[in-house]
């Protein structure tokens, strides 16, 4: 596995996030964390973007 740093493209479909910019994350990097007490093998259930911040006005 590569340990890239610097410019990367992060696709994102969470348009309710303050960092969402037309299908991409506007941050230079994100932190992904495991969800508590979930171990079912379903990616949507097991991980989440810990860099998420709610858009103002939502």
PDB file of N, CA and C in Angstrom:
ATOM      1  N   UNK A   1       0.836  -1.188   0.000  1.00  0.00           N
ATOM      2  CA  UNK A   1       0.000   0.000   0.000  1.00  0.00           C
ATOM      3  C   UNK A   1       0.878   1.248   0.000  1.00  0.00           C
ATOM      4  N   UNK A   2       0.493   2.219  -0.776  1.00  0.00           N
ATOM      5  CA  UNK A   2       1.230   3.470  -0.887  1.00  0.00           C
ATOM      6  C   UNK A   2       0.892   4.404   0.278  1.00  0.00           C
ATOM      7  N   UNK A   3       1.843   5.183   0.691  1.00  0.00           N
ATOM      8  CA  UNK A   3       1.620   6.191   1.730  1.00  0.00           C
ATOM      9  C   UNK A   3       1.718   7.564   1.097  1.00  0.00           C
ATOM     10  N   UNK A   4       0.817   7.861   0.167  1.00  0.00           N
ATOM     11  CA  UNK A   4       0.830   9.118  -0.566  1.00  0.00           C
ATOM     12  C   UNK A   4       0.546  10.297   0.353  1.00  0.00           C
ATOM     13  N   UNK A   5       1.189  11.382   0.051  1.00  0.00           N
ATOM     14  CA  UNK A   5       0.902  12.651   0.702  1.00  0.00           C
ATOM     15  C   UNK A   5       0.919  13.708  -0.378  1.00  0.00           C
ATOM     16  N   UNK A   6       0.244  14.801  -0.146  1.00  0.00           N
ATOM     17  CA  UNK A   6       0.225  15.858  -1.145  1.00  0.00           C
ATOM     18  C   UNK A   6      -1.073  15.867  -1.911  1.00  0.00           C
ATOM     19  N   UNK A   7      -0.998  16.163  -3.192  1.00  0.00           N
ATOM     20  CA  UNK A   7      -2.200  16.314  -4.005  1.00  0.00           C
ATOM     21  C   UNK A   7      -2.800  14.968  -4.365  1.00  0.00           C
ATOM     22  N   UNK A   8      -4.026  14.761  -3.913  1.00  0.00           N
ATOM     23  CA  UNK A   8      -4.785  13.570  -4.232  1.00  0.00           C
ATOM     24  C   UNK A   8      -6.206  13.987  -4.550  1.00  0.00           C
ATOM     25  N   UNK A   9      -6.887  13.204  -5.334  1.00  0.00           N
ATOM     26  CA  UNK A   9      -8.282  13.461  -5.651  1.00  0.00           C
ATOM     27  C   UNK A   9      -9.149  12.547  -4.811  1.00  0.00           C
ATOM     28  N   UNK A  10     -10.071  13.132  -4.074  1.00  0.00           N
ATOM     29  CA  UNK A  10     -10.958  12.367  -3.219  1.00  0.00           C
ATOM     30  C   UNK A  10     -12.381  12.560  -3.732  1.00  0.00           C
ATOM     31  N   UNK A  11     -12.919  11.533  -4.369  1.00  0.00           N
ATOM     32  CA  UNK A  11     -14.298  11.597  -4.838  1.00  0.00           C
ATOM     33  C   UNK A  11     -15.235  11.569  -3.645  1.00  0.00           C
ATOM     34  N   UNK A  12     -16.315  12.337  -3.716  1.00  0.00           N
ATOM     35  CA  UNK A  12     -17.251  12.403  -2.601  1.00  0.00           C
ATOM     36  C   UNK A  12     -18.657  12.655  -3.129  1.00  0.00           C
ATOM     37  N   UNK A  13     -19.628  11.965  -2.552  1.00  0.00           N
ATOM     38  CA  UNK A  13     -21.021  12.149  -2.939  1.00  0.00           C
ATOM     39  C   UNK A  13     -21.865  12.695  -1.788  1.00  0.00           C
ATOM     40  N   UNK A  14     -21.223  13.204  -0.741  1.00  0.00           N
ATOM     41  CA  UNK A  14     -21.934  13.719   0.428  1.00  0.00           C
ATOM     42  C   UNK A  14     -22.070  15.235   0.294  1.00  0.00           C
ATOM     43  N   UNK A  15     -23.093  15.662  -0.461  1.00  0.00           N
ATOM     44  CA  UNK A  15     -23.212  17.093  -0.731  1.00  0.00           C
ATOM     45  C   UNK A  15     -23.682  17.900   0.474  1.00  0.00           C
ATOM     46  N   UNK A  16     -23.977  17.256   1.578  1.00  0.00           N
ATOM     47  CA  UNK A  16     -24.307  17.955   2.818  1.00  0.00           C
ATOM     48  C   UNK A  16     -23.077  18.324   3.632  1.00  0.00           C
ATOM     49  N   UNK A  17     -21.901  17.938   3.162  1.00  0.00           N
ATOM     50  CA  UNK A  17     -20.650  18.239   3.857  1.00  0.00           C
ATOM     51  C   UNK A  17     -20.138  19.618   3.430  1.00  0.00           C
ATOM     52  N   UNK A  18     -19.603  20.354   4.371  1.00  0.00           N
ATOM     53  CA  UNK A  18     -19.076  21.696   4.101  1.00  0.00           C
ATOM     54  C   UNK A  18     -17.914  21.677   3.110  1.00  0.00           C
ATOM     55  N   UNK A  19     -17.238  20.543   2.969  1.00  0.00           N
ATOM     56  CA  UNK A  19     -16.059  20.457   2.099  1.00  0.00           C
ATOM     57  C   UNK A  19     -16.367  19.891   0.716  1.00  0.00           C
ATOM     58  N   UNK A  20     -17.630  19.553   0.463  1.00  0.00           N
ATOM     59  CA  UNK A  20     -18.042  18.983  -0.818  1.00  0.00           C
ATOM     60  C   UNK A  20     -17.975  20.040  -1.907  1.00  0.00           C
ATOM     61  N   UNK A  21     -17.316  19.694  -3.012  1.00  0.00           N
ATOM     62  CA  UNK A  21     -17.181  20.608  -4.144  1.00  0.00           C
ATOM     63  C   UNK A  21     -17.431  19.856  -5.443  1.00  0.00           C
ATOM     64  N   UNK A  22     -18.700  19.854  -5.893  1.00  0.00           N
ATOM     65  CA  UNK A  22     -19.046  19.271  -7.189  1.00  0.00           C
ATOM     66  C   UNK A  22     -18.496  17.858  -7.387  1.00  0.00           C
ATOM     67  N   UNK A  23     -18.905  16.942  -6.545  1.00  0.00           N
ATOM     68  CA  UNK A  23     -18.540  15.518  -6.595  1.00  0.00           C
ATOM     69  C   UNK A  23     -17.150  15.198  -6.041  1.00  0.00           C
ATOM     70  N   UNK A  24     -16.467  16.170  -5.435  1.00  0.00           N
ATOM     71  CA  UNK A  24     -15.135  15.940  -4.876  1.00  0.00           C
ATOM     72  C   UNK A  24     -15.021  16.577  -3.497  1.00  0.00           C
ATOM     73  N   UNK A  25     -14.104  16.060  -2.699  1.00  0.00           N
ATOM     74  CA  UNK A  25     -13.799  16.640  -1.404  1.00  0.00           C
ATOM     75  C   UNK A  25     -12.792  17.764  -1.610  1.00  0.00           C
ATOM     76  N   UNK A  26     -13.051  18.916  -1.015  1.00  0.00           N
ATOM     77  CA  UNK A  26     -12.169  20.063  -1.161  1.00  0.00           C
ATOM     78  C   UNK A  26     -10.976  20.056  -0.212  1.00  0.00           C
ATOM     79  N   UNK A  27     -10.907  19.070   0.673  1.00  0.00           N
ATOM     80  CA  UNK A  27      -9.781  18.989   1.603  1.00  0.00           C
ATOM     81  C   UNK A  27      -8.550  18.390   0.937  1.00  0.00           C
ATOM     82  N   UNK A  28      -7.375  18.703   1.452  1.00  0.00           N
ATOM     83  CA  UNK A  28      -6.135  18.108   0.945  1.00  0.00           C
ATOM     84  C   UNK A  28      -6.012  16.644   1.352  1.00  0.00           C
ATOM     85  N   UNK A  29      -6.666  16.271   2.428  1.00  0.00           N
ATOM     86  CA  UNK A  29      -6.646  14.894   2.912  1.00  0.00           C
ATOM     87  C   UNK A  29      -7.799  14.702   3.867  1.00  0.00           C
ATOM     88  N   UNK A  30      -8.191  13.467   4.083  1.00  0.00           N
ATOM     89  CA  UNK A  30      -9.279  13.155   5.005  1.00  0.00           C
ATOM     90  C   UNK A  30      -8.826  12.093   5.998  1.00  0.00           C
ATOM     91  N   UNK A  31      -9.570  11.963   7.076  1.00  0.00           N
ATOM     92  CA  UNK A  31      -9.332  10.902   8.048  1.00  0.00           C
ATOM     93  C   UNK A  31     -10.523   9.955   7.989  1.00  0.00           C
ATOM     94  N   UNK A  32     -10.263   8.672   7.830  1.00  0.00           N
ATOM     95  CA  UNK A  32     -11.305   7.653   7.797  1.00  0.00           C
ATOM     96  C   UNK A  32     -11.188   6.842   9.079  1.00  0.00           C
ATOM     97  N   UNK A  33     -12.314   6.697   9.777  1.00  0.00           N
ATOM     98  CA  UNK A  33     -12.299   5.970  11.040  1.00  0.00           C
ATOM     99  C   UNK A  33     -13.304   4.822  11.010  1.00  0.00           C
ATOM    100  N   UNK A  34     -13.078   3.788  11.823  1.00  0.00           N
ATOM    101  CA  UNK A  34     -14.045   2.693  11.894  1.00  0.00           C
ATOM    102  C   UNK A  34     -15.240   3.102  12.738  1.00  0.00           C
ATOM    103  N   UNK A  35     -16.391   2.581  12.398  1.00  0.00           N
ATOM    104  CA  UNK A  35     -17.587   2.807  13.211  1.00  0.00           C
ATOM    105  C   UNK A  35     -17.517   1.910  14.440  1.00  0.00           C
ATOM    106  N   UNK A  36     -18.041   2.380  15.530  1.00  0.00           N
ATOM    107  CA  UNK A  36     -18.025   1.624  16.777  1.00  0.00           C
ATOM    108  C   UNK A  36     -18.965   0.419  16.706  1.00  0.00           C
ATOM    109  N   UNK A  37     -18.504  -0.711  17.171  1.00  0.00           N
ATOM    110  CA  UNK A  37     -19.331  -1.910  17.379  1.00  0.00           C
ATOM    111  C   UNK A  37     -19.999  -2.450  16.110  1.00  0.00           C
ATOM    112  N   UNK A  38     -19.367  -2.277  14.968  1.00  0.00           N
ATOM    113  CA  UNK A  38     -19.897  -2.826  13.719  1.00  0.00           C
ATOM    114  C   UNK A  38     -18.816  -3.682  13.083  1.00  0.00           C
ATOM    115  N   UNK A  39     -19.147  -4.903  12.754  1.00  0.00           N
ATOM    116  CA  UNK A  39     -18.184  -5.802  12.135  1.00  0.00           C
ATOM    117  C   UNK A  39     -18.925  -6.740  11.197  1.00  0.00           C
ATOM    118  N   UNK A  40     -19.684  -6.151  10.243  1.00  0.00           N
ATOM    119  CA  UNK A  40     -20.500  -6.984   9.371  1.00  0.00           C
ATOM    120  C   UNK A  40     -19.942  -7.110   7.949  1.00  0.00           C
ATOM    121  N   UNK A  41     -18.813  -6.463   7.668  1.00  0.00           N
ATOM    122  CA  UNK A  41     -18.205  -6.576   6.348  1.00  0.00           C
ATOM    123  C   UNK A  41     -18.785  -5.641   5.302  1.00  0.00           C
ATOM    124  N   UNK A  42     -19.785  -4.847   5.649  1.00  0.00           N
ATOM    125  CA  UNK A  42     -20.388  -3.907   4.712  1.00  0.00           C
ATOM    126  C   UNK A  42     -19.671  -2.564   4.858  1.00  0.00           C
ATOM    127  N   UNK A  43     -18.943  -2.114   3.800  1.00  0.00           N
ATOM    128  CA  UNK A  43     -18.141  -0.899   3.916  1.00  0.00           C
ATOM    129  C   UNK A  43     -18.914   0.322   4.419  1.00  0.00           C
ATOM    130  N   UNK A  44     -20.150   0.502   3.972  1.00  0.00           N
ATOM    131  CA  UNK A  44     -20.930   1.667   4.403  1.00  0.00           C
ATOM    132  C   UNK A  44     -21.220   1.645   5.895  1.00  0.00           C
ATOM    133  N   UNK A  45     -21.270   0.456   6.466  1.00  0.00           N
ATOM    134  CA  UNK A  45     -21.558   0.319   7.893  1.00  0.00           C
ATOM    135  C   UNK A  45     -20.300   0.404   8.754  1.00  0.00           C
ATOM    136  N   UNK A  46     -19.164   0.010   8.208  1.00  0.00           N
ATOM    137  CA  UNK A  46     -17.962  -0.135   9.017  1.00  0.00           C
ATOM    138  C   UNK A  46     -17.051   1.086   9.065  1.00  0.00           C
ATOM    139  N   UNK A  47     -17.139   1.974   8.086  1.00  0.00           N
ATOM    140  CA  UNK A  47     -16.238   3.122   8.071  1.00  0.00           C
ATOM    141  C   UNK A  47     -16.996   4.417   7.836  1.00  0.00           C
ATOM    142  N   UNK A  48     -16.352   5.520   8.217  1.00  0.00           N
ATOM    143  CA  UNK A  48     -16.934   6.817   7.930  1.00  0.00           C
ATOM    144  C   UNK A  48     -15.837   7.863   7.822  1.00  0.00           C
ATOM    145  N   UNK A  49     -16.145   8.934   7.110  1.00  0.00           N
ATOM    146  CA  UNK A  49     -15.195  10.027   6.956  1.00  0.00           C
ATOM    147  C   UNK A  49     -15.245  10.874   8.216  1.00  0.00           C
ATOM    148  N   UNK A  50     -14.187  10.847   8.995  1.00  0.00           N
ATOM    149  CA  UNK A  50     -14.144  11.606  10.240  1.00  0.00           C
ATOM    150  C   UNK A  50     -13.866  13.088   9.984  1.00  0.00           C
ATOM    151  N   UNK A  51     -13.613  13.452   8.736  1.00  0.00           N
ATOM    152  CA  UNK A  51     -13.365  14.855   8.393  1.00  0.00           C
ATOM    153  C   UNK A  51     -14.662  15.588   8.052  1.00  0.00           C
ATOM    154  N   UNK A  52     -15.775  14.872   8.033  1.00  0.00           N
ATOM    155  CA  UNK A  52     -17.075  15.451   7.682  1.00  0.00           C
ATOM    156  C   UNK A  52     -17.419  16.629   8.593  1.00  0.00           C
ATOM    157  N   UNK A  53     -17.950  17.666   7.981  1.00  0.00           N
ATOM    158  CA  UNK A  53     -18.459  18.817   8.725  1.00  0.00           C
ATOM    159  C   UNK A  53     -19.747  19.263   8.032  1.00  0.00           C
ATOM    160  N   UNK A  54     -20.810  19.422   8.797  1.00  0.00           N
ATOM    161  CA  UNK A  54     -22.118  19.784   8.239  1.00  0.00           C
ATOM    162  C   UNK A  54     -22.053  21.164   7.584  1.00  0.00           C
ATOM    163  N   UNK A  55     -22.665  21.263   6.394  1.00  0.00           N
ATOM    164  CA  UNK A  55     -22.770  22.555   5.716  1.00  0.00           C
ATOM    165  C   UNK A  55     -23.620  23.503   6.551  1.00  0.00           C
ATOM    166  N   UNK A  56     -23.256  24.767   6.557  1.00  0.00           N
ATOM    167  CA  UNK A  56     -24.067  25.775   7.245  1.00  0.00           C
ATOM    168  C   UNK A  56     -25.414  25.905   6.559  1.00  0.00           C
ATOM    169  N   UNK A  57     -26.464  26.080   7.311  1.00  0.00           N
ATOM    170  CA  UNK A  57     -27.786  26.266   6.760  1.00  0.00           C
ATOM    171  C   UNK A  57     -28.535  24.993   6.446  1.00  0.00           C
ATOM    172  N   UNK A  58     -27.967  23.832   6.759  1.00  0.00           N
ATOM    173  CA  UNK A  58     -28.644  22.556   6.503  1.00  0.00           C
ATOM    174  C   UNK A  58     -29.234  22.022   7.751  1.00  0.00           C
TER     175      UNK A  58
END
